[in-house]
Amino acid sequence: MNLELQPVQSGGVEPRRLPALQWRDPHSVPPEKLRGYIVELERACAANPESADRALPWAERETLQALDLAGNHWELSMARKQLQTIRQQWRNGSQKPEWSGSLTRPTLALLALFLISSLVMLWNH
């Protein structure tokens, strides 16, 4: 099994640039090198705090593809765990909803209800 990272075509979606990984297993790397990488990632997150919300749809698509391509039980369990974490972030509100429609109709309906209720109140008095 090859432990080197392989380039993956993202289908036209360009993720934010992260430092290059030279390993997959964090236990095979000296702790000081791992600490340095974690600090670098924390700086990148602090510089772009909204990047996690934009990355969730892309990460979910890529993880679903990883599920299909998993070659052994370990890869399959890692992809499932990652997908579970991504979907938990969706549920916990880390993703802002997108407004795809106009609010004109609901606003007009609410105004009509207020008008009708006001007329009913005036009619009864």
PDB file of N, CA and C in Angstrom:
ATOM      1  N   MET A   1       0.839  -1.178   0.000  1.00  0.00           N
ATOM      2  CA  MET A   1       0.000   0.000   0.000  1.00  0.00           C
ATOM      3  C   MET A   1       0.883   1.240   0.000  1.00  0.00           C
ATOM      4  N   ASN A   2       0.639   2.169  -0.892  1.00  0.00           N
ATOM      5  CA  ASN A   2       1.415   3.387  -1.015  1.00  0.00           C
ATOM      6  C   ASN A   2       0.924   4.411  -0.004  1.00  0.00           C
ATOM      7  N   LEU A   3       1.825   4.923   0.841  1.00  0.00           N
ATOM      8  CA  LEU A   3       1.438   5.892   1.861  1.00  0.00           C
ATOM      9  C   LEU A   3       1.663   7.335   1.426  1.00  0.00           C
ATOM     10  N   GLU A   4       2.144   7.518   0.214  1.00  0.00           N
ATOM     11  CA  GLU A   4       2.340   8.873  -0.290  1.00  0.00           C
ATOM     12  C   GLU A   4       1.005   9.478  -0.697  1.00  0.00           C
ATOM     13  N   LEU A   5       0.864  10.784  -0.531  1.00  0.00           N
ATOM     14  CA  LEU A   5      -0.359  11.460  -0.955  1.00  0.00           C
ATOM     15  C   LEU A   5      -0.414  11.539  -2.465  1.00  0.00           C
ATOM     16  N   GLN A   6      -1.578  11.313  -2.993  1.00  0.00           N
ATOM     17  CA  GLN A   6      -1.775  11.352  -4.434  1.00  0.00           C
ATOM     18  C   GLN A   6      -2.610  12.584  -4.768  1.00  0.00           C
ATOM     19  N   PRO A   7      -2.290  13.312  -5.852  1.00  0.00           N
ATOM     20  CA  PRO A   7      -3.126  14.454  -6.232  1.00  0.00           C
ATOM     21  C   PRO A   7      -4.506  13.984  -6.679  1.00  0.00           C
ATOM     22  N   VAL A   8      -5.516  14.766  -6.333  1.00  0.00           N
ATOM     23  CA  VAL A   8      -6.897  14.429  -6.666  1.00  0.00           C
ATOM     24  C   VAL A   8      -7.495  15.598  -7.426  1.00  0.00           C
ATOM     25  N   GLN A   9      -8.171  15.304  -8.522  1.00  0.00           N
ATOM     26  CA  GLN A   9      -8.871  16.337  -9.268  1.00  0.00           C
ATOM     27  C   GLN A   9     -10.164  16.650  -8.540  1.00  0.00           C
ATOM     28  N   SER A  10     -10.435  17.936  -8.272  1.00  0.00           N
ATOM     29  CA  SER A  10     -11.600  18.309  -7.464  1.00  0.00           C
ATOM     30  C   SER A  10     -12.808  18.680  -8.303  1.00  0.00           C
ATOM     31  N   GLY A  11     -12.784  18.445  -9.587  1.00  0.00           N
ATOM     32  CA  GLY A  11     -13.947  18.724 -10.421  1.00  0.00           C
ATOM     33  C   GLY A  11     -14.212  20.214 -10.597  1.00  0.00           C
ATOM     34  N   GLY A  12     -13.157  21.022 -10.627  1.00  0.00           N
ATOM     35  CA  GLY A  12     -13.327  22.452 -10.853  1.00  0.00           C
ATOM     36  C   GLY A  12     -13.432  23.275  -9.587  1.00  0.00           C
ATOM     37  N   VAL A  13     -13.622  22.658  -8.432  1.00  0.00           N
ATOM     38  CA  VAL A  13     -13.714  23.385  -7.175  1.00  0.00           C
ATOM     39  C   VAL A  13     -12.314  23.482  -6.596  1.00  0.00           C
ATOM     40  N   GLU A  14     -11.857  24.675  -6.361  1.00  0.00           N
ATOM     41  CA  GLU A  14     -10.530  24.876  -5.816  1.00  0.00           C
ATOM     42  C   GLU A  14     -10.614  25.149  -4.322  1.00  0.00           C
ATOM     43  N   PRO A  15     -10.150  24.232  -3.491  1.00  0.00           N
ATOM     44  CA  PRO A  15     -10.157  24.484  -2.057  1.00  0.00           C
ATOM     45  C   PRO A  15      -9.074  25.487  -1.696  1.00  0.00           C
ATOM     46  N   ARG A  16      -9.180  26.050  -0.499  1.00  0.00           N
ATOM     47  CA  ARG A  16      -8.136  26.964  -0.021  1.00  0.00           C
ATOM     48  C   ARG A  16      -6.826  26.205   0.069  1.00  0.00           C
ATOM     49  N   ARG A  17      -5.745  26.900  -0.142  1.00  0.00           N
ATOM     50  CA  ARG A  17      -4.425  26.292  -0.145  1.00  0.00           C
ATOM     51  C   ARG A  17      -4.011  25.964   1.285  1.00  0.00           C
ATOM     52  N   LEU A  18      -3.709  24.701   1.548  1.00  0.00           N
ATOM     53  CA  LEU A  18      -3.215  24.250   2.838  1.00  0.00           C
ATOM     54  C   LEU A  18      -1.776  23.778   2.678  1.00  0.00           C
ATOM     55  N   PRO A  19      -1.044  23.734   3.763  1.00  0.00           N
ATOM     56  CA  PRO A  19       0.324  23.229   3.669  1.00  0.00           C
ATOM     57  C   PRO A  19       0.338  21.787   3.173  1.00  0.00           C
ATOM     58  N   ALA A  20       1.369  21.440   2.452  1.00  0.00           N
ATOM     59  CA  ALA A  20       1.472  20.088   1.895  1.00  0.00           C
ATOM     60  C   ALA A  20       1.761  19.083   3.005  1.00  0.00           C
ATOM     61  N   LEU A  21       1.077  17.944   2.954  1.00  0.00           N
ATOM     62  CA  LEU A  21       1.325  16.858   3.903  1.00  0.00           C
ATOM     63  C   LEU A  21       2.328  15.895   3.294  1.00  0.00           C
ATOM     64  N   GLN A  22       3.256  15.442   4.106  1.00  0.00           N
ATOM     65  CA  GLN A  22       4.217  14.479   3.598  1.00  0.00           C
ATOM     66  C   GLN A  22       3.976  13.104   4.198  1.00  0.00           C
ATOM     67  N   TRP A  23       2.902  12.947   4.952  1.00  0.00           N
ATOM     68  CA  TRP A  23       2.629  11.703   5.648  1.00  0.00           C
ATOM     69  C   TRP A  23       1.148  11.584   5.867  1.00  0.00           C
ATOM     70  N   ARG A  24       0.683  10.394   6.169  1.00  0.00           N
ATOM     71  CA  ARG A  24      -0.725  10.168   6.446  1.00  0.00           C
ATOM     72  C   ARG A  24      -0.960   9.842   7.916  1.00  0.00           C
ATOM     73  N   ASP A  25      -0.094   9.069   8.510  1.00  0.00           N
ATOM     74  CA  ASP A  25      -0.267   8.636   9.884  1.00  0.00           C
ATOM     75  C   ASP A  25       0.434   9.619  10.824  1.00  0.00           C
ATOM     76  N   PRO A  26      -0.321  10.341  11.695  1.00  0.00           N
ATOM     77  CA  PRO A  26       0.322  11.313  12.577  1.00  0.00           C
ATOM     78  C   PRO A  26       1.264  10.661  13.590  1.00  0.00           C
ATOM     79  N   HIS A  27       1.137   9.364  13.827  1.00  0.00           N
ATOM     80  CA  HIS A  27       2.010   8.683  14.781  1.00  0.00           C
ATOM     81  C   HIS A  27       3.383   8.375  14.190  1.00  0.00           C
ATOM     82  N   SER A  28       3.520   8.499  12.870  1.00  0.00           N
ATOM     83  CA  SER A  28       4.798   8.224  12.230  1.00  0.00           C
ATOM     84  C   SER A  28       5.639   9.486  12.061  1.00  0.00           C
ATOM     85  N   VAL A  29       5.171  10.618  12.596  1.00  0.00           N
ATOM     86  CA  VAL A  29       5.847  11.903  12.453  1.00  0.00           C
ATOM     87  C   VAL A  29       6.348  12.349  13.825  1.00  0.00           C
ATOM     88  N   PRO A  30       7.514  12.971  13.889  1.00  0.00           N
ATOM     89  CA  PRO A  30       7.990  13.480  15.179  1.00  0.00           C
ATOM     90  C   PRO A  30       6.999  14.501  15.759  1.00  0.00           C
ATOM     91  N   PRO A  31       6.792  14.491  17.075  1.00  0.00           N
ATOM     92  CA  PRO A  31       5.810  15.388  17.702  1.00  0.00           C
ATOM     93  C   PRO A  31       6.041  16.865  17.407  1.00  0.00           C
ATOM     94  N   GLU A  32       7.293  17.305  17.342  1.00  0.00           N
ATOM     95  CA  GLU A  32       7.544  18.734  17.080  1.00  0.00           C
ATOM     96  C   GLU A  32       7.125  19.133  15.662  1.00  0.00           C
ATOM     97  N   LYS A  33       7.297  18.229  14.705  1.00  0.00           N
ATOM     98  CA  LYS A  33       6.862  18.509  13.334  1.00  0.00           C
ATOM     99  C   LYS A  33       5.337  18.546  13.258  1.00  0.00           C
ATOM    100  N   LEU A  34       4.688  17.637  13.976  1.00  0.00           N
ATOM    101  CA  LEU A  34       3.225  17.618  14.034  1.00  0.00           C
ATOM    102  C   LEU A  34       2.697  18.888  14.698  1.00  0.00           C
ATOM    103  N   ARG A  35       3.338  19.303  15.812  1.00  0.00           N
ATOM    104  CA  ARG A  35       2.946  20.552  16.486  1.00  0.00           C
ATOM    105  C   ARG A  35       3.055  21.753  15.547  1.00  0.00           C
ATOM    106  N   GLY A  36       4.138  21.796  14.784  1.00  0.00           N
ATOM    107  CA  GLY A  36       4.331  22.896  13.828  1.00  0.00           C
ATOM    108  C   GLY A  36       3.234  22.927  12.776  1.00  0.00           C
ATOM    109  N   TYR A  37       2.840  21.758  12.295  1.00  0.00           N
ATOM    110  CA  TYR A  37       1.773  21.684  11.301  1.00  0.00           C
ATOM    111  C   TYR A  37       0.440  22.126  11.898  1.00  0.00           C
ATOM    112  N   ILE A  38       0.171  21.721  13.128  1.00  0.00           N
ATOM    113  CA  ILE A  38      -1.071  22.122  13.791  1.00  0.00           C
ATOM    114  C   ILE A  38      -1.114  23.631  13.988  1.00  0.00           C
ATOM    115  N   VAL A  39       0.000  24.225  14.385  1.00  0.00           N
ATOM    116  CA  VAL A  39       0.062  25.691  14.538  1.00  0.00           C
ATOM    117  C   VAL A  39      -0.196  26.381  13.210  1.00  0.00           C
ATOM    118  N   GLU A  40       0.366  25.831  12.143  1.00  0.00           N
ATOM    119  CA  GLU A  40       0.159  26.401  10.804  1.00  0.00           C
ATOM    120  C   GLU A  40      -1.315  26.337  10.400  1.00  0.00           C
ATOM    121  N   LEU A  41      -1.967  25.208  10.694  1.00  0.00           N
ATOM    122  CA  LEU A  41      -3.394  25.079  10.400  1.00  0.00           C
ATOM    123  C   LEU A  41      -4.233  26.044  11.239  1.00  0.00           C
ATOM    124  N   GLU A  42      -3.878  26.213  12.510  1.00  0.00           N
ATOM    125  CA  GLU A  42      -4.612  27.150  13.368  1.00  0.00           C
ATOM    126  C   GLU A  42      -4.495  28.577  12.842  1.00  0.00           C
ATOM    127  N   ARG A  43      -3.319  28.946  12.366  1.00  0.00           N
ATOM    128  CA  ARG A  43      -3.145  30.293  11.774  1.00  0.00           C
ATOM    129  C   ARG A  43      -4.015  30.449  10.523  1.00  0.00           C
ATOM    130  N   ALA A  44      -4.050  29.410   9.693  1.00  0.00           N
ATOM    131  CA  ALA A  44      -4.865  29.479   8.481  1.00  0.00           C
ATOM    132  C   ALA A  44      -6.350  29.595   8.826  1.00  0.00           C
ATOM    133  N   CYS A  45      -6.790  28.892   9.877  1.00  0.00           N
ATOM    134  CA  CYS A  45      -8.195  28.984  10.304  1.00  0.00           C
ATOM    135  C   CYS A  45      -8.507  30.356  10.875  1.00  0.00           C
ATOM    136  N   ALA A  46      -7.573  30.933  11.634  1.00  0.00           N
ATOM    137  CA  ALA A  46      -7.786  32.260  12.205  1.00  0.00           C
ATOM    138  C   ALA A  46      -7.842  33.327  11.105  1.00  0.00           C
ATOM    139  N   ALA A  47      -7.062  33.129  10.046  1.00  0.00           N
ATOM    140  CA  ALA A  47      -7.053  34.098   8.942  1.00  0.00           C
ATOM    141  C   ALA A  47      -8.319  34.016   8.097  1.00  0.00           C
ATOM    142  N   ASN A  48      -8.946  32.841   8.032  1.00  0.00           N
ATOM    143  CA  ASN A  48     -10.149  32.632   7.226  1.00  0.00           C
ATOM    144  C   ASN A  48     -11.212  31.913   8.048  1.00  0.00           C
ATOM    145  N   PRO A  49     -11.841  32.581   9.022  1.00  0.00           N
ATOM    146  CA  PRO A  49     -12.790  31.879   9.890  1.00  0.00           C
ATOM    147  C   PRO A  49     -14.038  31.386   9.170  1.00  0.00           C
ATOM    148  N   GLU A  50     -14.411  32.000   8.051  1.00  0.00           N
ATOM    149  CA  GLU A  50     -15.611  31.572   7.336  1.00  0.00           C
ATOM    150  C   GLU A  50     -15.326  30.439   6.356  1.00  0.00           C
ATOM    151  N   SER A  51     -14.085  30.040   6.217  1.00  0.00           N
ATOM    152  CA  SER A  51     -13.746  29.035   5.208  1.00  0.00           C
ATOM    153  C   SER A  51     -14.349  27.672   5.517  1.00  0.00           C
ATOM    154  N   ALA A  52     -14.583  27.343   6.789  1.00  0.00           N
ATOM    155  CA  ALA A  52     -15.170  26.035   7.115  1.00  0.00           C
ATOM    156  C   ALA A  52     -16.586  25.917   6.566  1.00  0.00           C
ATOM    157  N   ASP A  53     -17.364  27.008   6.646  1.00  0.00           N
ATOM    158  CA  ASP A  53     -18.726  26.964   6.122  1.00  0.00           C
ATOM    159  C   ASP A  53     -18.737  26.785   4.614  1.00  0.00           C
ATOM    160  N   ARG A  54     -17.815  27.389   3.869  1.00  0.00           N
ATOM    161  CA  ARG A  54     -17.785  27.224   2.423  1.00  0.00           C
ATOM    162  C   ARG A  54     -17.260  25.875   2.035  1.00  0.00           C
ATOM    163  N   ALA A  55     -16.470  25.249   2.932  1.00  0.00           N
ATOM    164  CA  ALA A  55     -15.821  23.993   2.579  1.00  0.00           C
ATOM    165  C   ALA A  55     -16.691  22.782   2.860  1.00  0.00           C
ATOM    166  N   LEU A  56     -17.742  22.903   3.665  1.00  0.00           N
ATOM    167  CA  LEU A  56     -18.544  21.735   4.032  1.00  0.00           C
ATOM    168  C   LEU A  56     -19.173  21.027   2.840  1.00  0.00           C
ATOM    169  N   PRO A  57     -19.800  21.727   1.900  1.00  0.00           N
ATOM    170  CA  PRO A  57     -20.367  21.003   0.751  1.00  0.00           C
ATOM    171  C   PRO A  57     -19.296  20.257  -0.045  1.00  0.00           C
ATOM    172  N   TRP A  58     -18.163  20.896  -0.251  1.00  0.00           N
ATOM    173  CA  TRP A  58     -17.068  20.272  -0.992  1.00  0.00           C
ATOM    174  C   TRP A  58     -16.544  19.058  -0.231  1.00  0.00           C
ATOM    175  N   ALA A  59     -16.366  19.192   1.096  1.00  0.00           N
ATOM    176  CA  ALA A  59     -15.848  18.094   1.903  1.00  0.00           C
ATOM    177  C   ALA A  59     -16.814  16.915   1.904  1.00  0.00           C
ATOM    178  N   GLU A  60     -18.120  17.195   1.930  1.00  0.00           N
ATOM    179  CA  GLU A  60     -19.093  16.107   1.920  1.00  0.00           C
ATOM    180  C   GLU A  60     -19.042  15.342   0.595  1.00  0.00           C
ATOM    181  N   ARG A  61     -18.957  16.069  -0.524  1.00  0.00           N
ATOM    182  CA  ARG A  61     -18.867  15.408  -1.826  1.00  0.00           C
ATOM    183  C   ARG A  61     -17.606  14.540  -1.919  1.00  0.00           C
ATOM    184  N   GLU A  62     -16.485  15.092  -1.477  1.00  0.00           N
ATOM    185  CA  GLU A  62     -15.228  14.353  -1.546  1.00  0.00           C
ATOM    186  C   GLU A  62     -15.249  13.134  -0.628  1.00  0.00           C
ATOM    187  N   THR A  63     -15.874  13.264   0.535  1.00  0.00           N
ATOM    188  CA  THR A  63     -15.933  12.143   1.474  1.00  0.00           C
ATOM    189  C   THR A  63     -16.836  11.041   0.946  1.00  0.00           C
ATOM    190  N   LEU A  64     -17.938  11.411   0.297  1.00  0.00           N
ATOM    191  CA  LEU A  64     -18.794  10.391  -0.323  1.00  0.00           C
ATOM    192  C   LEU A  64     -18.032   9.637  -1.409  1.00  0.00           C
ATOM    193  N   GLN A  65     -17.208  10.357  -2.141  1.00  0.00           N
ATOM    194  CA  GLN A  65     -16.383   9.703  -3.157  1.00  0.00           C
ATOM    195  C   GLN A  65     -15.353   8.783  -2.492  1.00  0.00           C
ATOM    196  N   ALA A  66     -14.807   9.214  -1.349  1.00  0.00           N
ATOM    197  CA  ALA A  66     -13.843   8.381  -0.623  1.00  0.00           C
ATOM    198  C   ALA A  66     -14.492   7.095  -0.129  1.00  0.00           C
ATOM    199  N   LEU A  67     -15.769   7.173   0.252  1.00  0.00           N
ATOM    200  CA  LEU A  67     -16.488   5.960   0.659  1.00  0.00           C
ATOM    201  C   LEU A  67     -16.546   4.948  -0.482  1.00  0.00           C
ATOM    202  N   ASP A  68     -16.805   5.454  -1.684  1.00  0.00           N
ATOM    203  CA  ASP A  68     -16.875   4.568  -2.851  1.00  0.00           C
ATOM    204  C   ASP A  68     -15.512   3.974  -3.212  1.00  0.00           C
ATOM    205  N   LEU A  69     -14.455   4.739  -2.960  1.00  0.00           N
ATOM    206  CA  LEU A  69     -13.115   4.303  -3.365  1.00  0.00           C
ATOM    207  C   LEU A  69     -12.357   3.561  -2.274  1.00  0.00           C
ATOM    208  N   ALA A  70     -12.931   3.439  -1.084  1.00  0.00           N
ATOM    209  CA  ALA A  70     -12.229   2.795   0.032  1.00  0.00           C
ATOM    210  C   ALA A  70     -11.821   1.381  -0.351  1.00  0.00           C
ATOM    211  N   GLY A  71     -10.552   1.079  -0.114  1.00  0.00           N
ATOM    212  CA  GLY A  71     -10.031  -0.217  -0.508  1.00  0.00           C
ATOM    213  C   GLY A  71      -9.955  -1.231   0.620  1.00  0.00           C
ATOM    214  N   ASN A  72     -10.056  -0.782   1.863  1.00  0.00           N
ATOM    215  CA  ASN A  72     -10.010  -1.714   2.989  1.00  0.00           C
ATOM    216  C   ASN A  72     -10.896  -1.179   4.123  1.00  0.00           C
ATOM    217  N   HIS A  73     -11.000  -1.975   5.182  1.00  0.00           N
ATOM    218  CA  HIS A  73     -11.882  -1.625   6.293  1.00  0.00           C
ATOM    219  C   HIS A  73     -11.454  -0.333   6.983  1.00  0.00           C
ATOM    220  N   TRP A  74     -10.146  -0.129   7.133  1.00  0.00           N
ATOM    221  CA  TRP A  74      -9.653   1.073   7.811  1.00  0.00           C
ATOM    222  C   TRP A  74     -10.038   2.331   7.034  1.00  0.00           C
ATOM    223  N   GLU A  75      -9.833   2.340   5.718  1.00  0.00           N
ATOM    224  CA  GLU A  75     -10.191   3.498   4.896  1.00  0.00           C
ATOM    225  C   GLU A  75     -11.693   3.754   4.935  1.00  0.00           C
ATOM    226  N   LEU A  76     -12.474   2.675   4.905  1.00  0.00           N
ATOM    227  CA  LEU A  76     -13.926   2.799   4.966  1.00  0.00           C
ATOM    228  C   LEU A  76     -14.378   3.399   6.293  1.00  0.00           C
ATOM    229  N   SER A  77     -13.796   2.940   7.398  1.00  0.00           N
ATOM    230  CA  SER A  77     -14.193   3.476   8.705  1.00  0.00           C
ATOM    231  C   SER A  77     -13.770   4.937   8.864  1.00  0.00           C
ATOM    232  N   MET A  78     -12.602   5.308   8.317  1.00  0.00           N
ATOM    233  CA  MET A  78     -12.162   6.711   8.387  1.00  0.00           C
ATOM    234  C   MET A  78     -13.099   7.613   7.582  1.00  0.00           C
ATOM    235  N   ALA A  79     -13.497   7.172   6.403  1.00  0.00           N
ATOM    236  CA  ALA A  79     -14.405   7.970   5.567  1.00  0.00           C
ATOM    237  C   ALA A  79     -15.771   8.096   6.232  1.00  0.00           C
ATOM    238  N   ARG A  80     -16.257   7.016   6.846  1.00  0.00           N
ATOM    239  CA  ARG A  80     -17.548   7.088   7.540  1.00  0.00           C
ATOM    240  C   ARG A  80     -17.498   8.049   8.716  1.00  0.00           C
ATOM    241  N   LYS A  81     -16.411   7.992   9.477  1.00  0.00           N
ATOM    242  CA  LYS A  81     -16.254   8.888  10.632  1.00  0.00           C
ATOM    243  C   LYS A  81     -16.187  10.347  10.170  1.00  0.00           C
ATOM    244  N   GLN A  82     -15.465  10.589   9.090  1.00  0.00           N
ATOM    245  CA  GLN A  82     -15.362  11.947   8.560  1.00  0.00           C
ATOM    246  C   GLN A  82     -16.722  12.436   8.070  1.00  0.00           C
ATOM    247  N   LEU A  83     -17.461  11.586   7.381  1.00  0.00           N
ATOM    248  CA  LEU A  83     -18.792  11.964   6.904  1.00  0.00           C
ATOM    249  C   LEU A  83     -19.729  12.246   8.078  1.00  0.00           C
ATOM    250  N   GLN A  84     -19.616  11.448   9.128  1.00  0.00           N
ATOM    251  CA  GLN A  84     -20.421  11.670  10.327  1.00  0.00           C
ATOM    252  C   GLN A  84     -20.106  13.030  10.950  1.00  0.00           C
ATOM    253  N   THR A  85     -18.834  13.392  11.013  1.00  0.00           N
ATOM    254  CA  THR A  85     -18.436  14.681  11.572  1.00  0.00           C
ATOM    255  C   THR A  85     -18.948  15.835  10.713  1.00  0.00           C
ATOM    256  N   ILE A  86     -18.839  15.702   9.405  1.00  0.00           N
ATOM    257  CA  ILE A  86     -19.312  16.753   8.495  1.00  0.00           C
ATOM    258  C   ILE A  86     -20.814  16.953   8.664  1.00  0.00           C
ATOM    259  N   ARG A  87     -21.565  15.873   8.689  1.00  0.00           N
ATOM    260  CA  ARG A  87     -23.023  15.993   8.816  1.00  0.00           C
ATOM    261  C   ARG A  87     -23.425  16.517  10.190  1.00  0.00           C
ATOM    262  N   GLN A  88     -22.646  16.219  11.209  1.00  0.00           N
ATOM    263  CA  GLN A  88     -22.914  16.776  12.538  1.00  0.00           C
ATOM    264  C   GLN A  88     -22.703  18.287  12.519  1.00  0.00           C
ATOM    265  N   GLN A  89     -21.687  18.755  11.813  1.00  0.00           N
ATOM    266  CA  GLN A  89     -21.463  20.193  11.700  1.00  0.00           C
ATOM    267  C   GLN A  89     -22.607  20.861  10.947  1.00  0.00           C
ATOM    268  N   TRP A  90     -23.152  20.199   9.921  1.00  0.00           N
ATOM    269  CA  TRP A  90     -24.312  20.742   9.210  1.00  0.00           C
ATOM    270  C   TRP A  90     -25.485  20.903  10.169  1.00  0.00           C
ATOM    271  N   ARG A  91     -25.746  19.841  10.983  1.00  0.00           N
ATOM    272  CA  ARG A  91     -26.885  19.873  11.907  1.00  0.00           C
ATOM    273  C   ARG A  91     -26.716  20.894  13.017  1.00  0.00           C
ATOM    274  N   ASN A  92     -25.505  21.102  13.469  1.00  0.00           N
ATOM    275  CA  ASN A  92     -25.262  22.012  14.587  1.00  0.00           C
ATOM    276  C   ASN A  92     -25.217  23.472  14.166  1.00  0.00           C
ATOM    277  N   GLY A  93     -25.485  23.740  12.917  1.00  0.00           N
ATOM    278  CA  GLY A  93     -25.617  25.130  12.481  1.00  0.00           C
ATOM    279  C   GLY A  93     -24.335  25.818  12.101  1.00  0.00           C
ATOM    280  N   SER A  94     -23.316  25.073  11.746  1.00  0.00           N
ATOM    281  CA  SER A  94     -22.106  25.742  11.291  1.00  0.00           C
ATOM    282  C   SER A  94     -22.270  26.245   9.865  1.00  0.00           C
ATOM    283  N   GLN A  95     -23.325  25.810   9.209  1.00  0.00           N
ATOM    284  CA  GLN A  95     -23.609  26.251   7.844  1.00  0.00           C
ATOM    285  C   GLN A  95     -24.801  27.196   7.865  1.00  0.00           C
ATOM    286  N   LYS A  96     -24.641  28.353   7.277  1.00  0.00           N
ATOM    287  CA  LYS A  96     -25.734  29.322   7.207  1.00  0.00           C
ATOM    288  C   LYS A  96     -26.683  28.942   6.071  1.00  0.00           C
ATOM    289  N   PRO A  97     -27.993  29.062   6.302  1.00  0.00           N
ATOM    290  CA  PRO A  97     -28.927  28.725   5.234  1.00  0.00           C
ATOM    291  C   PRO A  97     -28.843  29.742   4.096  1.00  0.00           C
ATOM    292  N   GLU A  98     -29.079  29.278   2.902  1.00  0.00           N
ATOM    293  CA  GLU A  98     -29.078  30.164   1.740  1.00  0.00           C
ATOM    294  C   GLU A  98     -30.511  30.548   1.408  1.00  0.00           C
ATOM    295  N   TRP A  99     -30.752  31.824   1.218  1.00  0.00           N
ATOM    296  CA  TRP A  99     -32.078  32.299   0.817  1.00  0.00           C
ATOM    297  C   TRP A  99     -32.138  32.277  -0.686  1.00  0.00           C
ATOM    298  N   SER A 100     -32.939  31.378  -1.203  1.00  0.00           N
ATOM    299  CA  SER A 100     -33.010  31.252  -2.654  1.00  0.00           C
ATOM    300  C   SER A 100     -34.225  31.961  -3.240  1.00  0.00           C
ATOM    301  N   GLY A 101     -35.181  32.307  -2.399  1.00  0.00           N
ATOM    302  CA  GLY A 101     -36.392  32.933  -2.909  1.00  0.00           C
ATOM    303  C   GLY A 101     -36.597  34.327  -2.348  1.00  0.00           C
ATOM    304  N   SER A 102     -37.598  34.979  -2.870  1.00  0.00           N
ATOM    305  CA  SER A 102     -37.929  36.321  -2.429  1.00  0.00           C
ATOM    306  C   SER A 102     -38.840  36.247  -1.212  1.00  0.00           C
ATOM    307  N   LEU A 103     -38.754  37.241  -0.354  1.00  0.00           N
ATOM    308  CA  LEU A 103     -39.612  37.316   0.832  1.00  0.00           C
ATOM    309  C   LEU A 103     -40.849  38.178   0.587  1.00  0.00           C
ATOM    310  N   THR A 104     -41.106  38.542  -0.651  1.00  0.00           N
ATOM    311  CA  THR A 104     -42.238  39.413  -0.963  1.00  0.00           C
ATOM    312  C   THR A 104     -43.572  38.746  -0.643  1.00  0.00           C
ATOM    313  N   ARG A 105     -43.772  37.527  -1.087  1.00  0.00           N
ATOM    314  CA  ARG A 105     -45.052  36.841  -0.828  1.00  0.00           C
ATOM    315  C   ARG A 105     -45.323  36.636   0.659  1.00  0.00           C
ATOM    316  N   PRO A 106     -44.371  36.115   1.440  1.00  0.00           N
ATOM    317  CA  PRO A 106     -44.649  35.975   2.867  1.00  0.00           C
ATOM    318  C   PRO A 106     -44.934  37.312   3.554  1.00  0.00           C
ATOM    319  N   THR A 107     -44.252  38.364   3.131  1.00  0.00           N
ATOM    320  CA  THR A 107     -44.487  39.683   3.713  1.00  0.00           C
ATOM    321  C   THR A 107     -45.887  40.179   3.375  1.00  0.00           C
ATOM    322  N   LEU A 108     -46.299  40.023   2.135  1.00  0.00           N
ATOM    323  CA  LEU A 108     -47.644  40.432   1.741  1.00  0.00           C
ATOM    324  C   LEU A 108     -48.716  39.620   2.463  1.00  0.00           C
ATOM    325  N   ALA A 109     -48.475  38.328   2.642  1.00  0.00           N
ATOM    326  CA  ALA A 109     -49.430  37.485   3.368  1.00  0.00           C
ATOM    327  C   ALA A 109     -49.552  37.917   4.821  1.00  0.00           C
ATOM    328  N   LEU A 110     -48.438  38.254   5.444  1.00  0.00           N
ATOM    329  CA  LEU A 110     -48.459  38.714   6.830  1.00  0.00           C
ATOM    330  C   LEU A 110     -49.189  40.047   6.943  1.00  0.00           C
ATOM    331  N   LEU A 111     -48.942  40.946   6.016  1.00  0.00           N
ATOM    332  CA  LEU A 111     -49.653  42.229   6.027  1.00  0.00           C
ATOM    333  C   LEU A 111     -51.155  42.029   5.826  1.00  0.00           C
ATOM    334  N   ALA A 112     -51.524  41.105   4.952  1.00  0.00           N
ATOM    335  CA  ALA A 112     -52.951  40.821   4.740  1.00  0.00           C
ATOM    336  C   ALA A 112     -53.589  40.271   6.013  1.00  0.00           C
ATOM    337  N   LEU A 113     -52.891  39.391   6.711  1.00  0.00           N
ATOM    338  CA  LEU A 113     -53.418  38.870   7.977  1.00  0.00           C
ATOM    339  C   LEU A 113     -53.592  39.980   9.013  1.00  0.00           C
ATOM    340  N   PHE A 114     -52.632  40.879   9.106  1.00  0.00           N
ATOM    341  CA  PHE A 114     -52.761  42.014  10.032  1.00  0.00           C
ATOM    342  C   PHE A 114     -53.949  42.897   9.656  1.00  0.00           C
ATOM    343  N   LEU A 115     -54.094  43.138   8.373  1.00  0.00           N
ATOM    344  CA  LEU A 115     -55.200  43.968   7.911  1.00  0.00           C
ATOM    345  C   LEU A 115     -56.547  43.314   8.215  1.00  0.00           C
ATOM    346  N   ILE A 116     -56.650  42.038   7.942  1.00  0.00           N
ATOM    347  CA  ILE A 116     -57.905  41.316   8.212  1.00  0.00           C
ATOM    348  C   ILE A 116     -58.205  41.295   9.704  1.00  0.00           C
ATOM    349  N   SER A 117     -57.209  41.028  10.520  1.00  0.00           N
ATOM    350  CA  SER A 117     -57.430  41.000  11.974  1.00  0.00           C
ATOM    351  C   SER A 117     -57.800  42.380  12.495  1.00  0.00           C
ATOM    352  N   SER A 118     -57.204  43.424  11.934  1.00  0.00           N
ATOM    353  CA  SER A 118     -57.566  44.797  12.350  1.00  0.00           C
ATOM    354  C   SER A 118     -59.004  45.113  11.971  1.00  0.00           C
ATOM    355  N   LEU A 119     -59.419  44.723  10.745  1.00  0.00           N
ATOM    356  CA  LEU A 119     -60.800  44.965  10.327  1.00  0.00           C
ATOM    357  C   LEU A 119     -61.793  44.190  11.185  1.00  0.00           C
ATOM    358  N   VAL A 120     -61.447  42.955  11.546  1.00  0.00           N
ATOM    359  CA  VAL A 120     -62.312  42.159  12.418  1.00  0.00           C
ATOM    360  C   VAL A 120     -62.423  42.811  13.778  1.00  0.00           C
ATOM    361  N   MET A 121     -61.344  43.322  14.300  1.00  0.00           N
ATOM    362  CA  MET A 121     -61.380  44.003  15.619  1.00  0.00           C
ATOM    363  C   MET A 121     -62.238  45.266  15.533  1.00  0.00           C
ATOM    364  N   LEU A 122     -62.111  46.037  14.459  1.00  0.00           N
ATOM    365  CA  LEU A 122     -62.928  47.257  14.311  1.00  0.00           C
ATOM    366  C   LEU A 122     -64.390  46.918  14.107  1.00  0.00           C
ATOM    367  N   TRP A 123     -64.674  45.860  13.378  1.00  0.00           N
ATOM    368  CA  TRP A 123     -66.047  45.452  13.099  1.00  0.00           C
ATOM    369  C   TRP A 123     -66.770  45.038  14.386  1.00  0.00           C
ATOM    370  N   ASN A 124     -66.045  44.359  15.280  1.00  0.00           N
ATOM    371  CA  ASN A 124     -66.635  43.879  16.534  1.00  0.00           C
ATOM    372  C   ASN A 124     -66.869  45.016  17.525  1.00  0.00           C
ATOM    373  N   HIS A 125     -66.194  46.126  17.427  1.00  0.00           N
ATOM    374  CA  HIS A 125     -66.389  47.239  18.378  1.00  0.00           C
ATOM    375  C   HIS A 125     -67.284  48.237  17.805  1.00  0.00           C
TER     376      HIS A 125
END
